[in-house]
Amino acid sequence: MAGSKGKSPRAQDAKILGGAEVVLLRARLAPDDLTRTLKERGAYVRTLPVQKIVLRPEDDPIVRQQLENVRQQDLFIFVSRRAVDWIEQCMPKVLQVCNDKEVFAVGPATAAVLSHHGVRVQWPAREWNTRGLLAMPALAAVAGKKILIFRGRGGLEDLGKQLLQRGALVEYCELYERQTEVAHRAQLLQILQEHATPTDTILVIHSGSVLDAVKELAGRAFDQMQTIPVVVPSDRLRRYAEDNGLKRVHVAASAMPADIENAIVGWYTAGNTG
């Protein structure tokens, strides 16, 4: 193994991940900063999207009506970068409307895309998830405010439910959906079979829906996931992974590429035995 025990996750050795294999299970991103930085540090990176992102069509009547009336809303919340991408591609004039509204993002990655377009956006200082958003003082007193949440179809309901309890008027604008990508089932099964015993391979699971897709594709072979190390971006997802039988779960500080990278470096330089 190329790494040495005891090194900090922030060690400056440019090739500190030489010999490690990292399998990214989320849908492909462009640009993909995580893949780039992992390769720069010597890792072999495989992207195996177990899901595909399907955007709703530009002429979807429900979405078009929501966005044509977007000025009637008081506050926008973007819960993913994908939602911003849809707006950017299909109806960029909504980004201009954002300058006259309170705008929130679930975390800095989503906020960065909005900021690139000149949008003044707020996001949680610590937890980059629903709980972090709900803890923000600016979202505490929302009684009577009309809030539009941009998200994917079938997203978690906790955010909207809590805002409703605080007296807000909540509406969802669902711009995409995630579907299981069956084309990669054989590759996934091969990974599970090859790496069921301790190796220098680690899987990155960015969300509960990604884990659900892995379970669907793997079938009975999912039991082999118990011995394979994985990285997740939150304690909530760690609990979900452990509830599904995974035993070697490493938690990154967030879903940001640098934090995922640090968690992988920490696992690898510790001897990758846990």
C-alpha atoms as a PDB file:
ATOM      1  CA  MET A   1       0.000   0.000   0.000  1.00  0.00           C
ATOM      2  CA  ALA A   2       1.378   3.390  -0.988  1.00  0.00           C
ATOM      3  CA  GLY A   3       0.084   5.411   1.985  1.00  0.00           C
ATOM      4  CA  SER A   4       1.745   5.425   5.381  1.00  0.00           C
ATOM      5  CA  LYS A   5      -0.003   5.016   8.703  1.00  0.00           C
ATOM      6  CA  GLY A   6      -0.650   8.008  10.876  1.00  0.00           C
ATOM      7  CA  LYS A   7      -0.573  10.701   8.206  1.00  0.00           C
ATOM      8  CA  SER A   8      -3.122  13.478   8.474  1.00  0.00           C
ATOM      9  CA  PRO A   9      -6.012  13.469   5.981  1.00  0.00           C
ATOM     10  CA  ARG A  10      -4.645  16.818   4.905  1.00  0.00           C
ATOM     11  CA  ALA A  11      -1.163  15.490   4.221  1.00  0.00           C
ATOM     12  CA  GLN A  12       0.493  17.290   1.363  1.00  0.00           C
ATOM     13  CA  ASP A  13       1.912  14.228  -0.427  1.00  0.00           C
ATOM     14  CA  ALA A  14       0.534  14.808  -3.920  1.00  0.00           C
ATOM     15  CA  LYS A  15       0.297  11.045  -4.617  1.00  0.00           C
ATOM     16  CA  ILE A  16      -0.850   9.971  -1.172  1.00  0.00           C
ATOM     17  CA  LEU A  17      -3.676   7.878  -2.678  1.00  0.00           C
ATOM     18  CA  GLY A  18      -1.380   5.966  -5.023  1.00  0.00           C
ATOM     19  CA  GLY A  19      -2.668   2.381  -5.036  1.00  0.00           C
ATOM     20  CA  ALA A  20      -6.203   3.248  -3.871  1.00  0.00           C
ATOM     21  CA  GLU A  21      -9.265   2.574  -5.982  1.00  0.00           C
ATOM     22  CA  VAL A  22     -12.257   4.855  -5.470  1.00  0.00           C
ATOM     23  CA  VAL A  23     -15.643   3.941  -6.936  1.00  0.00           C
ATOM     24  CA  LEU A  24     -18.109   6.812  -7.284  1.00  0.00           C
ATOM     25  CA  LEU A  25     -21.671   5.536  -7.453  1.00  0.00           C
ATOM     26  CA  ARG A  26     -23.517   8.805  -8.071  1.00  0.00           C
ATOM     27  CA  ALA A  27     -24.513  10.196 -11.433  1.00  0.00           C
ATOM     28  CA  ARG A  28     -21.748  11.838 -13.450  1.00  0.00           C
ATOM     29  CA  LEU A  29     -21.058  15.532 -12.925  1.00  0.00           C
ATOM     30  CA  ALA A  30     -19.543  18.086 -15.256  1.00  0.00           C
ATOM     31  CA  PRO A  31     -17.233  19.449 -14.052  1.00  0.00           C
ATOM     32  CA  ASP A  32     -16.345  16.711 -11.568  1.00  0.00           C
ATOM     33  CA  ASP A  33     -13.952  18.247  -9.051  1.00  0.00           C
ATOM     34  CA  LEU A  34     -13.874  15.145  -6.850  1.00  0.00           C
ATOM     35  CA  THR A  35     -12.670  12.872  -9.645  1.00  0.00           C
ATOM     36  CA  ARG A  36     -10.059  15.413 -10.692  1.00  0.00           C
ATOM     37  CA  THR A  37      -8.574  15.891  -7.221  1.00  0.00           C
ATOM     38  CA  LEU A  38      -8.584  12.177  -6.396  1.00  0.00           C
ATOM     39  CA  LYS A  39      -6.689  11.420  -9.597  1.00  0.00           C
ATOM     40  CA  GLU A  40      -4.234  14.214  -8.839  1.00  0.00           C
ATOM     41  CA  ARG A  41      -3.483  12.470  -5.545  1.00  0.00           C
ATOM     42  CA  GLY A  42      -2.789   9.168  -7.283  1.00  0.00           C
ATOM     43  CA  ALA A  43      -6.079   7.290  -6.908  1.00  0.00           C
ATOM     44  CA  TYR A  44      -7.603   5.137  -9.589  1.00  0.00           C
ATOM     45  CA  VAL A  45     -11.164   6.444  -9.927  1.00  0.00           C
ATOM     46  CA  ARG A  46     -14.086   4.581 -11.424  1.00  0.00           C
ATOM     47  CA  THR A  47     -17.416   6.316 -11.926  1.00  0.00           C
ATOM     48  CA  LEU A  48     -20.243   3.812 -11.856  1.00  0.00           C
ATOM     49  CA  PRO A  49     -23.527   5.740 -11.846  1.00  0.00           C
ATOM     50  CA  VAL A  50     -26.177   3.469 -10.364  1.00  0.00           C
ATOM     51  CA  GLN A  51     -28.695   6.229 -11.062  1.00  0.00           C
ATOM     52  CA  LYS A  52     -29.413   8.517 -13.944  1.00  0.00           C
ATOM     53  CA  ILE A  53     -30.819  12.015 -13.686  1.00  0.00           C
ATOM     54  CA  VAL A  54     -33.826  12.578 -15.911  1.00  0.00           C
ATOM     55  CA  LEU A  55     -34.733  16.233 -16.334  1.00  0.00           C
ATOM     56  CA  ARG A  56     -38.348  17.177 -16.719  1.00  0.00           C
ATOM     57  CA  PRO A  57     -38.995  18.609 -20.185  1.00  0.00           C
ATOM     58  CA  GLU A  58     -38.872  22.363 -20.670  1.00  0.00           C
ATOM     59  CA  ASP A  59     -42.484  22.405 -21.831  1.00  0.00           C
ATOM     60  CA  ASP A  60     -43.837  20.502 -18.829  1.00  0.00           C
ATOM     61  CA  PRO A  61     -47.081  22.437 -18.163  1.00  0.00           C
ATOM     62  CA  ILE A  62     -46.917  22.203 -14.368  1.00  0.00           C
ATOM     63  CA  VAL A  63     -43.332  23.417 -14.159  1.00  0.00           C
ATOM     64  CA  ARG A  64     -43.864  26.164 -16.724  1.00  0.00           C
ATOM     65  CA  GLN A  65     -46.866  27.512 -14.827  1.00  0.00           C
ATOM     66  CA  GLN A  66     -44.936  27.494 -11.553  1.00  0.00           C
ATOM     67  CA  LEU A  67     -42.012  29.347 -13.060  1.00  0.00           C
ATOM     68  CA  GLU A  68     -44.130  31.848 -14.954  1.00  0.00           C
ATOM     69  CA  ASN A  69     -45.684  32.796 -11.597  1.00  0.00           C
ATOM     70  CA  VAL A  70     -42.404  32.699  -9.705  1.00  0.00           C
ATOM     71  CA  ARG A  71     -42.513  36.404  -8.816  1.00  0.00           C
ATOM     72  CA  GLN A  72     -45.451  35.690  -6.514  1.00  0.00           C
ATOM     73  CA  GLN A  73     -43.150  33.734  -4.192  1.00  0.00           C
ATOM     74  CA  ASP A  74     -41.295  35.390  -1.315  1.00  0.00           C
ATOM     75  CA  LEU A  75     -38.471  32.950  -0.790  1.00  0.00           C
ATOM     76  CA  PHE A  76     -36.649  30.297  -2.803  1.00  0.00           C
ATOM     77  CA  ILE A  77     -34.832  27.210  -1.511  1.00  0.00           C
ATOM     78  CA  PHE A  78     -32.621  25.125  -3.787  1.00  0.00           C
ATOM     79  CA  VAL A  79     -31.938  21.699  -2.298  1.00  0.00           C
ATOM     80  CA  SER A  80     -29.545  20.490  -5.001  1.00  0.00           C
ATOM     81  CA  ARG A  81     -27.207  21.641  -7.715  1.00  0.00           C
ATOM     82  CA  ARG A  82     -29.292  19.692 -10.229  1.00  0.00           C
ATOM     83  CA  ALA A  83     -32.219  22.024  -9.676  1.00  0.00           C
ATOM     84  CA  VAL A  84     -30.024  25.040 -10.419  1.00  0.00           C
ATOM     85  CA  ASP A  85     -28.704  23.309 -13.548  1.00  0.00           C
ATOM     86  CA  TRP A  86     -32.266  22.864 -14.835  1.00  0.00           C
ATOM     87  CA  ILE A  87     -33.075  26.533 -14.284  1.00  0.00           C
ATOM     88  CA  GLU A  88     -29.816  27.562 -15.915  1.00  0.00           C
ATOM     89  CA  GLN A  89     -30.477  25.442 -19.004  1.00  0.00           C
ATOM     90  CA  CYS A  90     -34.220  25.752 -19.431  1.00  0.00           C
ATOM     91  CA  MET A  91     -35.447  29.007 -17.894  1.00  0.00           C
ATOM     92  CA  PRO A  92     -32.536  31.294 -16.949  1.00  0.00           C
ATOM     93  CA  LYS A  93     -34.773  34.312 -16.431  1.00  0.00           C
ATOM     94  CA  VAL A  94     -35.719  32.785 -13.065  1.00  0.00           C
ATOM     95  CA  LEU A  95     -32.158  33.520 -11.933  1.00  0.00           C
ATOM     96  CA  GLN A  96     -32.836  37.221 -12.535  1.00  0.00           C
ATOM     97  CA  VAL A  97     -35.940  37.012 -10.354  1.00  0.00           C
ATOM     98  CA  CYS A  98     -33.762  35.562  -7.587  1.00  0.00           C
ATOM     99  CA  ASN A  99     -32.125  38.965  -7.099  1.00  0.00           C
ATOM    100  CA  ASP A 100     -35.410  40.292  -5.722  1.00  0.00           C
ATOM    101  CA  LYS A 101     -36.026  37.363  -3.362  1.00  0.00           C
ATOM    102  CA  GLU A 102     -34.534  35.663  -0.339  1.00  0.00           C
ATOM    103  CA  VAL A 103     -32.616  32.692  -1.708  1.00  0.00           C
ATOM    104  CA  PHE A 104     -31.271  29.720   0.235  1.00  0.00           C
ATOM    105  CA  ALA A 105     -29.172  26.738  -0.826  1.00  0.00           C
ATOM    106  CA  VAL A 106     -28.662  23.462   1.006  1.00  0.00           C
ATOM    107  CA  GLY A 107     -24.885  23.883   0.941  1.00  0.00           C
ATOM    108  CA  PRO A 108     -21.916  25.683  -0.595  1.00  0.00           C
ATOM    109  CA  ALA A 109     -21.770  23.574  -3.779  1.00  0.00           C
ATOM    110  CA  THR A 110     -25.306  24.541  -4.760  1.00  0.00           C
ATOM    111  CA  ALA A 111     -24.724  28.090  -3.530  1.00  0.00           C
ATOM    112  CA  ALA A 112     -21.609  28.416  -5.690  1.00  0.00           C
ATOM    113  CA  VAL A 113     -23.593  27.754  -8.871  1.00  0.00           C
ATOM    114  CA  LEU A 114     -26.140  30.391  -7.889  1.00  0.00           C
ATOM    115  CA  SER A 115     -23.445  32.877  -6.906  1.00  0.00           C
ATOM    116  CA  HIS A 116     -21.824  32.386 -10.305  1.00  0.00           C
ATOM    117  CA  HIS A 117     -24.942  33.975 -11.760  1.00  0.00           C
ATOM    118  CA  GLY A 118     -24.817  36.891  -9.348  1.00  0.00           C
ATOM    119  CA  VAL A 119     -27.499  35.554  -7.010  1.00  0.00           C
ATOM    120  CA  ARG A 120     -27.187  36.567  -3.357  1.00  0.00           C
ATOM    121  CA  VAL A 121     -27.659  33.280  -1.556  1.00  0.00           C
ATOM    122  CA  GLN A 122     -27.501  32.024   2.019  1.00  0.00           C
ATOM    123  CA  TRP A 123     -26.663  28.503   3.185  1.00  0.00           C
ATOM    124  CA  PRO A 124     -26.090  26.703   6.494  1.00  0.00           C
ATOM    125  CA  ALA A 125     -22.805  27.380   8.233  1.00  0.00           C
ATOM    126  CA  ARG A 126     -22.342  23.792   9.405  1.00  0.00           C
ATOM    127  CA  GLU A 127     -24.734  21.005   8.479  1.00  0.00           C
ATOM    128  CA  TRP A 128     -25.345  21.124   4.737  1.00  0.00           C
ATOM    129  CA  ASN A 129     -28.667  19.331   4.778  1.00  0.00           C
ATOM    130  CA  THR A 130     -32.309  19.812   5.753  1.00  0.00           C
ATOM    131  CA  ARG A 131     -31.470  20.089   9.440  1.00  0.00           C
ATOM    132  CA  GLY A 132     -28.889  22.763   8.706  1.00  0.00           C
ATOM    133  CA  LEU A 133     -31.374  24.775   6.674  1.00  0.00           C
ATOM    134  CA  LEU A 134     -34.034  24.567   9.364  1.00  0.00           C
ATOM    135  CA  ALA A 135     -31.538  25.752  11.980  1.00  0.00           C
ATOM    136  CA  MET A 136     -30.830  28.985  10.102  1.00  0.00           C
ATOM    137  CA  PRO A 137     -32.227  32.047  11.935  1.00  0.00           C
ATOM    138  CA  ALA A 138     -33.437  33.494   8.630  1.00  0.00           C
ATOM    139  CA  LEU A 139     -35.787  30.518   8.205  1.00  0.00           C
ATOM    140  CA  ALA A 140     -37.146  30.614  11.743  1.00  0.00           C
ATOM    141  CA  ALA A 141     -39.768  33.349  11.261  1.00  0.00           C
ATOM    142  CA  VAL A 142     -41.456  32.447   7.981  1.00  0.00           C
ATOM    143  CA  ALA A 143     -45.135  32.629   8.968  1.00  0.00           C
ATOM    144  CA  GLY A 144     -47.179  33.843   6.018  1.00  0.00           C
ATOM    145  CA  LYS A 145     -44.283  33.682   3.555  1.00  0.00           C
ATOM    146  CA  LYS A 146     -44.686  31.909   0.232  1.00  0.00           C
ATOM    147  CA  ILE A 147     -41.771  29.500  -0.174  1.00  0.00           C
ATOM    148  CA  LEU A 148     -40.876  27.661  -3.372  1.00  0.00           C
ATOM    149  CA  ILE A 149     -38.579  24.655  -2.926  1.00  0.00           C
ATOM    150  CA  PHE A 150     -36.687  23.596  -6.049  1.00  0.00           C
ATOM    151  CA  ARG A 151     -35.895  19.879  -5.859  1.00  0.00           C
ATOM    152  CA  GLY A 152     -36.111  16.499  -7.569  1.00  0.00           C
ATOM    153  CA  ARG A 153     -39.282  14.454  -7.723  1.00  0.00           C
ATOM    154  CA  GLY A 154     -39.906  12.431  -4.599  1.00  0.00           C
ATOM    155  CA  GLY A 155     -37.455  14.345  -2.424  1.00  0.00           C
ATOM    156  CA  LEU A 156     -37.491  14.258   1.356  1.00  0.00           C
ATOM    157  CA  GLU A 157     -40.505  15.927   2.927  1.00  0.00           C
ATOM    158  CA  ASP A 158     -38.961  17.029   6.236  1.00  0.00           C
ATOM    159  CA  LEU A 159     -38.006  20.510   5.043  1.00  0.00           C
ATOM    160  CA  GLY A 160     -41.433  21.386   3.698  1.00  0.00           C
ATOM    161  CA  LYS A 161     -43.252  19.882   6.675  1.00  0.00           C
ATOM    162  CA  GLN A 162     -41.213  21.882   9.180  1.00  0.00           C
ATOM    163  CA  LEU A 163     -41.678  25.116   7.250  1.00  0.00           C
ATOM    164  CA  LEU A 164     -45.432  24.481   7.096  1.00  0.00           C
ATOM    165  CA  GLN A 165     -45.450  24.042  10.869  1.00  0.00           C
ATOM    166  CA  ARG A 166     -43.763  27.425  11.121  1.00  0.00           C
ATOM    167  CA  GLY A 167     -46.644  28.982   9.210  1.00  0.00           C
ATOM    168  CA  ALA A 168     -45.142  29.197   5.736  1.00  0.00           C
ATOM    169  CA  LEU A 169     -46.999  28.479   2.505  1.00  0.00           C
ATOM    170  CA  VAL A 170     -44.864  25.828   0.806  1.00  0.00           C
ATOM    171  CA  GLU A 171     -44.832  24.727  -2.815  1.00  0.00           C
ATOM    172  CA  TYR A 172     -42.476  22.273  -4.543  1.00  0.00           C
ATOM    173  CA  CYS A 173     -41.057  22.764  -8.004  1.00  0.00           C
ATOM    174  CA  GLU A 174     -39.779  19.321  -9.017  1.00  0.00           C
ATOM    175  CA  LEU A 175     -37.363  19.642 -11.922  1.00  0.00           C
ATOM    176  CA  TYR A 176     -35.831  16.175 -12.289  1.00  0.00           C
ATOM    177  CA  GLU A 177     -35.993  12.634 -11.023  1.00  0.00           C
ATOM    178  CA  ARG A 178     -33.471   9.910 -10.271  1.00  0.00           C
ATOM    179  CA  GLN A 179     -33.921   6.509 -11.852  1.00  0.00           C
ATOM    180  CA  THR A 180     -31.942   3.319 -11.273  1.00  0.00           C
ATOM    181  CA  GLU A 181     -29.434   2.757 -14.075  1.00  0.00           C
ATOM    182  CA  VAL A 182     -29.731  -0.947 -14.864  1.00  0.00           C
ATOM    183  CA  ALA A 183     -27.021  -0.757 -17.540  1.00  0.00           C
ATOM    184  CA  HIS A 184     -24.331  -0.892 -14.844  1.00  0.00           C
ATOM    185  CA  ARG A 185     -25.663  -3.866 -12.888  1.00  0.00           C
ATOM    186  CA  ALA A 186     -23.020  -6.319 -14.165  1.00  0.00           C
ATOM    187  CA  GLN A 187     -20.186  -3.919 -13.290  1.00  0.00           C
ATOM    188  CA  LEU A 188     -21.566  -3.397  -9.804  1.00  0.00           C
ATOM    189  CA  LEU A 189     -21.850  -7.136  -9.181  1.00  0.00           C
ATOM    190  CA  GLN A 190     -18.270  -7.596 -10.354  1.00  0.00           C
ATOM    191  CA  ILE A 191     -17.054  -4.965  -7.876  1.00  0.00           C
ATOM    192  CA  LEU A 192     -18.937  -6.622  -5.024  1.00  0.00           C
ATOM    193  CA  GLN A 193     -17.471 -10.020  -5.876  1.00  0.00           C
ATOM    194  CA  GLU A 194     -13.902  -8.774  -6.342  1.00  0.00           C
ATOM    195  CA  HIS A 195     -13.785  -6.627  -3.210  1.00  0.00           C
ATOM    196  CA  ALA A 196     -15.772  -8.600  -0.656  1.00  0.00           C
ATOM    197  CA  THR A 197     -12.509  -9.062   1.290  1.00  0.00           C
ATOM    198  CA  PRO A 198     -10.345  -6.151   2.542  1.00  0.00           C
ATOM    199  CA  THR A 199      -8.618  -4.386  -0.341  1.00  0.00           C
ATOM    200  CA  ASP A 200      -7.530  -0.892  -1.282  1.00  0.00           C
ATOM    201  CA  THR A 201     -10.989  -0.133  -2.711  1.00  0.00           C
ATOM    202  CA  ILE A 202     -13.586   2.198  -1.220  1.00  0.00           C
ATOM    203  CA  LEU A 203     -17.063   3.131  -2.470  1.00  0.00           C
ATOM    204  CA  VAL A 204     -18.530   6.642  -2.249  1.00  0.00           C
ATOM    205  CA  ILE A 205     -22.263   6.813  -1.533  1.00  0.00           C
ATOM    206  CA  HIS A 206     -23.576  10.360  -1.716  1.00  0.00           C
ATOM    207  CA  SER A 207     -27.226   9.782  -0.789  1.00  0.00           C
ATOM    208  CA  GLY A 208     -29.808   7.358   0.491  1.00  0.00           C
ATOM    209  CA  SER A 209     -31.273   7.024  -2.998  1.00  0.00           C
ATOM    210  CA  VAL A 210     -27.868   5.930  -4.313  1.00  0.00           C
ATOM    211  CA  LEU A 211     -27.723   3.234  -1.622  1.00  0.00           C
ATOM    212  CA  ASP A 212     -31.272   2.178  -2.504  1.00  0.00           C
ATOM    213  CA  ALA A 213     -30.254   1.852  -6.164  1.00  0.00           C
ATOM    214  CA  VAL A 214     -27.252  -0.277  -5.178  1.00  0.00           C
ATOM    215  CA  LYS A 215     -29.554  -2.583  -3.203  1.00  0.00           C
ATOM    216  CA  GLU A 216     -31.952  -2.854  -6.125  1.00  0.00           C
ATOM    217  CA  LEU A 217     -29.202  -3.677  -8.605  1.00  0.00           C
ATOM    218  CA  ALA A 218     -27.239  -6.009  -6.346  1.00  0.00           C
ATOM    219  CA  GLY A 219     -30.109  -8.163  -5.130  1.00  0.00           C
ATOM    220  CA  ARG A 220     -28.807 -11.015  -2.976  1.00  0.00           C
ATOM    221  CA  ALA A 221     -25.228  -9.909  -3.624  1.00  0.00           C
ATOM    222  CA  PHE A 222     -25.863  -6.809  -1.510  1.00  0.00           C
ATOM    223  CA  ASP A 223     -24.804  -8.864   1.530  1.00  0.00           C
ATOM    224  CA  GLN A 224     -21.236  -8.575   0.223  1.00  0.00           C
ATOM    225  CA  MET A 225     -21.394  -4.817   0.834  1.00  0.00           C
ATOM    226  CA  GLN A 226     -21.038  -5.472   4.569  1.00  0.00           C
ATOM    227  CA  THR A 227     -17.279  -5.913   4.317  1.00  0.00           C
ATOM    228  CA  ILE A 228     -16.540  -3.191   1.745  1.00  0.00           C
ATOM    229  CA  PRO A 229     -15.559   0.265   3.066  1.00  0.00           C
ATOM    230  CA  VAL A 230     -17.781   3.152   2.048  1.00  0.00           C
ATOM    231  CA  VAL A 231     -17.700   6.924   2.508  1.00  0.00           C
ATOM    232  CA  VAL A 232     -20.890   8.883   3.176  1.00  0.00           C
ATOM    233  CA  PRO A 233     -21.325  12.652   3.629  1.00  0.00           C
ATOM    234  CA  SER A 234     -23.418  12.773   6.818  1.00  0.00           C
ATOM    235  CA  ASP A 235     -24.255  11.024  10.077  1.00  0.00           C
ATOM    236  CA  ARG A 236     -27.834  10.618   8.890  1.00  0.00           C
ATOM    237  CA  LEU A 237     -26.632   8.628   5.892  1.00  0.00           C
ATOM    238  CA  ARG A 238     -24.203   6.690   8.101  1.00  0.00           C
ATOM    239  CA  ARG A 239     -27.135   5.546  10.236  1.00  0.00           C
ATOM    240  CA  TYR A 240     -29.107   4.587   7.130  1.00  0.00           C
ATOM    241  CA  ALA A 241     -26.139   2.643   5.754  1.00  0.00           C
ATOM    242  CA  GLU A 242     -25.610   0.810   9.036  1.00  0.00           C
ATOM    243  CA  ASP A 243     -29.333   0.044   9.256  1.00  0.00           C
ATOM    244  CA  ASN A 244     -28.886  -1.658   5.878  1.00  0.00           C
ATOM    245  CA  GLY A 245     -26.072  -3.833   7.199  1.00  0.00           C
ATOM    246  CA  LEU A 246     -22.977  -1.906   6.121  1.00  0.00           C
ATOM    247  CA  LYS A 247     -20.228  -2.300   8.717  1.00  0.00           C
ATOM    248  CA  ARG A 248     -17.305  -0.212   7.414  1.00  0.00           C
ATOM    249  CA  VAL A 249     -18.816   3.251   7.050  1.00  0.00           C
ATOM    250  CA  HIS A 250     -16.618   6.377   7.085  1.00  0.00           C
ATOM    251  CA  VAL A 251     -18.289   9.777   7.485  1.00  0.00           C
ATOM    252  CA  ALA A 252     -17.039  12.854   5.624  1.00  0.00           C
ATOM    253  CA  ALA A 253     -17.630  16.324   7.027  1.00  0.00           C
ATOM    254  CA  SER A 254     -19.923  17.107   4.086  1.00  0.00           C
ATOM    255  CA  ALA A 255     -20.604  16.230   0.463  1.00  0.00           C
ATOM    256  CA  MET A 256     -18.106  18.833  -0.728  1.00  0.00           C
ATOM    257  CA  PRO A 257     -15.327  17.277  -2.866  1.00  0.00           C
ATOM    258  CA  ALA A 258     -12.588  18.364  -0.442  1.00  0.00           C
ATOM    259  CA  ASP A 259     -14.358  16.744   2.520  1.00  0.00           C
ATOM    260  CA  ILE A 260     -15.029  13.490   0.656  1.00  0.00           C
ATOM    261  CA  GLU A 261     -11.386  13.472  -0.435  1.00  0.00           C
ATOM    262  CA  ASN A 262     -10.180  14.036   3.132  1.00  0.00           C
ATOM    263  CA  ALA A 263     -12.293  11.129   4.397  1.00  0.00           C
ATOM    264  CA  ILE A 264     -10.841   8.849   1.717  1.00  0.00           C
ATOM    265  CA  VAL A 265      -7.286   9.943   2.531  1.00  0.00           C
ATOM    266  CA  GLY A 266      -7.979   9.391   6.220  1.00  0.00           C
ATOM    267  CA  TRP A 267      -9.213   5.850   5.553  1.00  0.00           C
ATOM    268  CA  TYR A 268      -6.300   5.003   3.261  1.00  0.00           C
ATOM    269  CA  THR A 269      -3.487   6.391   5.371  1.00  0.00           C
ATOM    270  CA  ALA A 270      -4.876   4.696   8.482  1.00  0.00           C
ATOM    271  CA  GLY A 271      -4.197   1.340   6.881  1.00  0.00           C
ATOM    272  CA  ASN A 272      -7.653   0.865   5.265  1.00  0.00           C
ATOM    273  CA  THR A 273      -8.548  -1.907   7.675  1.00  0.00           C
ATOM    274  CA  GLY A 274     -11.743  -0.355   8.996  1.00  0.00           C
END
